N, C-alpha and C. Protein backbone atom coordinates (compact mmCIF):
# COMPACT_ATOMS: atom_id res chain seq x y z
N UNK A 1 22.54 -2.89 3.98
CA UNK A 1 21.96 -1.72 4.58
C UNK A 1 22.25 -1.77 6.08
N UNK A 2 22.97 -0.81 6.60
CA UNK A 2 23.26 -0.80 8.04
C UNK A 2 22.01 -0.51 8.85
N UNK A 3 21.85 -1.23 9.95
CA UNK A 3 20.71 -1.01 10.82
C UNK A 3 21.18 -1.00 12.27
N UNK A 4 20.43 -0.33 13.11
CA UNK A 4 20.69 -0.35 14.55
C UNK A 4 19.36 -0.54 15.26
N UNK A 5 19.39 -1.27 16.36
CA UNK A 5 18.18 -1.51 17.13
C UNK A 5 18.21 -0.70 18.40
N UNK A 6 17.11 -0.03 18.69
CA UNK A 6 16.97 0.67 19.95
C UNK A 6 16.45 -0.32 20.96
N UNK A 7 17.20 -0.53 22.03
CA UNK A 7 16.79 -1.48 23.05
C UNK A 7 15.60 -0.96 23.85
N UNK A 8 15.39 0.34 23.85
CA UNK A 8 14.27 0.93 24.59
C UNK A 8 12.94 0.65 23.89
N UNK A 9 12.91 0.75 22.56
CA UNK A 9 11.64 0.64 21.83
C UNK A 9 11.52 -0.63 21.02
N UNK A 10 12.61 -1.32 20.78
CA UNK A 10 12.58 -2.50 19.93
C UNK A 10 12.49 -2.14 18.45
N UNK A 11 12.62 -0.88 18.14
CA UNK A 11 12.55 -0.41 16.75
C UNK A 11 13.93 -0.50 16.11
N UNK A 12 13.96 -0.68 14.81
CA UNK A 12 15.20 -0.76 14.05
C UNK A 12 15.30 0.46 13.14
N UNK A 13 16.41 1.18 13.23
CA UNK A 13 16.63 2.32 12.35
C UNK A 13 17.17 1.83 11.02
N UNK A 14 16.74 2.49 9.94
CA UNK A 14 17.25 2.19 8.61
C UNK A 14 17.13 3.44 7.76
N UNK A 15 17.84 3.44 6.66
CA UNK A 15 17.80 4.60 5.75
C UNK A 15 17.15 4.16 4.44
N UNK A 16 16.38 5.06 3.85
CA UNK A 16 15.75 4.79 2.56
C UNK A 16 15.53 6.11 1.83
N UNK A 17 14.96 6.05 0.68
CA UNK A 17 14.65 7.25 -0.10
C UNK A 17 13.20 7.18 -0.56
N UNK A 18 12.56 8.34 -0.63
CA UNK A 18 11.18 8.45 -1.10
C UNK A 18 11.11 9.53 -2.17
N UNK A 19 10.10 9.43 -3.01
CA UNK A 19 9.88 10.51 -3.97
C UNK A 19 9.43 11.74 -3.18
N UNK A 20 9.72 12.92 -3.69
CA UNK A 20 9.33 14.15 -2.97
C UNK A 20 7.83 14.21 -2.66
N UNK A 21 6.99 13.74 -3.59
CA UNK A 21 5.55 13.79 -3.37
C UNK A 21 5.13 12.86 -2.24
N UNK A 22 5.70 11.65 -2.19
CA UNK A 22 5.36 10.71 -1.12
C UNK A 22 5.82 11.25 0.22
N UNK A 23 7.00 11.82 0.26
CA UNK A 23 7.51 12.40 1.51
C UNK A 23 6.64 13.55 1.98
N UNK A 24 6.21 14.38 1.04
CA UNK A 24 5.33 15.51 1.39
C UNK A 24 4.03 14.98 1.99
N UNK A 25 3.43 13.98 1.35
CA UNK A 25 2.18 13.42 1.85
C UNK A 25 2.37 12.77 3.22
N UNK A 26 3.49 12.11 3.41
CA UNK A 26 3.79 11.49 4.69
C UNK A 26 3.88 12.54 5.79
N UNK A 27 4.62 13.60 5.52
CA UNK A 27 4.76 14.68 6.51
C UNK A 27 3.43 15.36 6.79
N UNK A 28 2.64 15.62 5.75
CA UNK A 28 1.35 16.28 5.92
C UNK A 28 0.40 15.41 6.76
N UNK A 29 0.40 14.12 6.48
CA UNK A 29 -0.47 13.21 7.23
C UNK A 29 -0.06 13.17 8.69
N UNK A 30 1.23 13.06 8.95
CA UNK A 30 1.71 13.02 10.33
C UNK A 30 1.34 14.31 11.06
N UNK A 31 1.53 15.44 10.42
CA UNK A 31 1.20 16.72 11.06
C UNK A 31 -0.29 16.84 11.32
N UNK A 32 -1.09 16.49 10.31
CA UNK A 32 -2.54 16.59 10.43
C UNK A 32 -3.07 15.70 11.55
N UNK A 33 -2.47 14.52 11.72
CA UNK A 33 -2.93 13.57 12.73
C UNK A 33 -2.22 13.73 14.07
N UNK A 34 -1.25 14.66 14.13
CA UNK A 34 -0.51 14.87 15.37
C UNK A 34 0.34 13.68 15.77
N UNK A 35 0.91 13.02 14.77
CA UNK A 35 1.71 11.82 15.02
C UNK A 35 3.11 12.00 14.46
N UNK A 36 4.00 11.14 14.87
CA UNK A 36 5.35 11.16 14.32
C UNK A 36 5.34 10.48 12.95
N UNK A 37 6.25 10.92 12.09
CA UNK A 37 6.36 10.33 10.76
C UNK A 37 6.57 8.83 10.84
N UNK A 38 7.41 8.38 11.77
CA UNK A 38 7.70 6.95 11.86
C UNK A 38 6.45 6.15 12.21
N UNK A 39 5.55 6.72 13.00
CA UNK A 39 4.32 6.02 13.35
C UNK A 39 3.39 5.87 12.15
N UNK A 40 3.29 6.94 11.36
CA UNK A 40 2.45 6.90 10.16
C UNK A 40 3.03 5.90 9.16
N UNK A 41 4.33 5.94 8.97
CA UNK A 41 4.98 5.03 8.03
C UNK A 41 4.86 3.59 8.49
N UNK A 42 5.04 3.33 9.78
CA UNK A 42 4.92 1.98 10.31
C UNK A 42 3.50 1.44 10.08
N UNK A 43 2.50 2.27 10.37
CA UNK A 43 1.12 1.85 10.16
C UNK A 43 0.83 1.59 8.68
N UNK A 44 1.32 2.47 7.83
CA UNK A 44 1.08 2.31 6.39
C UNK A 44 1.72 1.03 5.87
N UNK A 45 2.92 0.73 6.31
CA UNK A 45 3.59 -0.49 5.86
C UNK A 45 2.89 -1.73 6.40
N UNK A 46 2.44 -1.68 7.64
CA UNK A 46 1.70 -2.83 8.20
C UNK A 46 0.43 -3.09 7.40
N UNK A 47 -0.30 -2.03 7.06
CA UNK A 47 -1.52 -2.18 6.26
C UNK A 47 -1.20 -2.71 4.87
N UNK A 48 -0.12 -2.23 4.28
CA UNK A 48 0.30 -2.69 2.95
C UNK A 48 0.60 -4.19 2.97
N UNK A 49 1.37 -4.64 3.95
CA UNK A 49 1.72 -6.05 4.01
C UNK A 49 0.50 -6.92 4.30
N UNK A 50 -0.41 -6.44 5.13
CA UNK A 50 -1.64 -7.19 5.39
C UNK A 50 -2.46 -7.29 4.11
N UNK A 51 -2.56 -6.20 3.39
CA UNK A 51 -3.28 -6.17 2.12
C UNK A 51 -2.68 -7.18 1.14
N UNK A 52 -1.36 -7.18 1.04
CA UNK A 52 -0.68 -8.08 0.12
C UNK A 52 -0.87 -9.54 0.51
N UNK A 53 -0.88 -9.83 1.80
CA UNK A 53 -1.06 -11.20 2.26
C UNK A 53 -2.45 -11.72 1.94
N UNK A 54 -3.41 -10.85 1.90
CA UNK A 54 -4.78 -11.26 1.58
C UNK A 54 -4.95 -11.47 0.08
N UNK A 55 -3.94 -11.14 -0.67
CA UNK A 55 -3.89 -11.33 -2.12
C UNK A 55 -5.11 -10.74 -2.84
N UNK A 56 -5.47 -9.56 -2.43
CA UNK A 56 -6.54 -8.86 -3.12
C UNK A 56 -6.01 -8.34 -4.45
N UNK A 57 -6.83 -8.42 -5.47
CA UNK A 57 -6.39 -7.84 -6.74
C UNK A 57 -6.26 -6.32 -6.61
N UNK A 58 -5.31 -5.78 -7.32
CA UNK A 58 -5.12 -4.33 -7.28
C UNK A 58 -6.30 -3.64 -7.97
N UNK A 59 -6.63 -2.43 -7.52
CA UNK A 59 -7.80 -1.72 -8.07
C UNK A 59 -7.77 -1.57 -9.59
N UNK A 60 -6.62 -1.29 -10.18
CA UNK A 60 -6.61 -1.10 -11.64
C UNK A 60 -6.86 -2.42 -12.37
N UNK A 61 -6.52 -3.54 -11.76
CA UNK A 61 -6.80 -4.84 -12.35
C UNK A 61 -8.30 -5.11 -12.33
N UNK A 62 -8.93 -4.82 -11.19
CA UNK A 62 -10.37 -5.02 -11.08
C UNK A 62 -11.14 -4.09 -12.02
N UNK A 63 -10.65 -2.88 -12.20
CA UNK A 63 -11.30 -1.94 -13.12
C UNK A 63 -11.24 -2.47 -14.55
N UNK A 64 -10.09 -3.01 -14.94
CA UNK A 64 -9.94 -3.58 -16.28
C UNK A 64 -10.84 -4.80 -16.45
N UNK A 65 -10.95 -5.62 -15.41
CA UNK A 65 -11.82 -6.80 -15.48
C UNK A 65 -13.28 -6.38 -15.65
N UNK A 66 -13.74 -5.41 -14.88
CA UNK A 66 -15.13 -4.95 -15.00
C UNK A 66 -15.40 -4.40 -16.41
N UNK A 67 -14.46 -3.66 -16.94
CA UNK A 67 -14.63 -3.11 -18.30
C UNK A 67 -14.71 -4.24 -19.32
N UNK A 68 -13.88 -5.25 -19.14
CA UNK A 68 -13.88 -6.38 -20.06
C UNK A 68 -15.20 -7.14 -19.98
N UNK A 69 -15.71 -7.33 -18.77
CA UNK A 69 -16.98 -8.03 -18.61
C UNK A 69 -18.11 -7.25 -19.26
N UNK A 70 -18.12 -5.93 -19.08
CA UNK A 70 -19.16 -5.11 -19.72
C UNK A 70 -19.09 -5.23 -21.24
N UNK A 71 -17.89 -5.20 -21.77
CA UNK A 71 -17.71 -5.21 -23.22
C UNK A 71 -17.97 -6.58 -23.83
N UNK A 72 -17.61 -7.64 -23.14
CA UNK A 72 -17.67 -8.98 -23.73
C UNK A 72 -18.59 -9.93 -22.98
N UNK A 73 -19.59 -9.41 -22.29
CA UNK A 73 -20.46 -10.22 -21.46
C UNK A 73 -21.10 -11.37 -22.23
N UNK A 74 -21.66 -11.09 -23.39
CA UNK A 74 -22.33 -12.14 -24.18
C UNK A 74 -21.34 -13.24 -24.57
N UNK A 75 -20.15 -12.87 -24.98
CA UNK A 75 -19.13 -13.86 -25.35
C UNK A 75 -18.77 -14.73 -24.17
N UNK A 76 -18.56 -14.14 -23.01
CA UNK A 76 -18.20 -14.92 -21.82
C UNK A 76 -19.30 -15.89 -21.45
N UNK A 77 -20.57 -15.47 -21.61
CA UNK A 77 -21.68 -16.37 -21.30
C UNK A 77 -21.73 -17.54 -22.27
N UNK A 78 -21.46 -17.28 -23.53
CA UNK A 78 -21.42 -18.37 -24.51
C UNK A 78 -20.28 -19.33 -24.24
N UNK A 79 -19.13 -18.79 -23.90
CA UNK A 79 -17.97 -19.65 -23.62
C UNK A 79 -18.16 -20.49 -22.36
N UNK A 80 -18.97 -20.00 -21.43
CA UNK A 80 -19.19 -20.72 -20.18
C UNK A 80 -20.14 -21.92 -20.35
N UNK A 81 -20.85 -21.99 -21.46
CA UNK A 81 -21.80 -23.08 -21.70
C UNK A 81 -21.09 -24.40 -21.94
């Protein structure tokens, strides 16, 4: 992937592709917040990487775990003895 660095900002240009819905949401967020798309994307990626480093379980995993605990609570308590 070809990249170029702007010596003025220290930012690196790159090319990528997004789904139309994600691009629409990105543009809407930037417009609503009065920010540039690159600033919104940079912030979103920083938050994503921080989230991943903290190794938090994904929401759908936690939802499945809670459902399993509700359904099999008595069994889990017996197995823990």
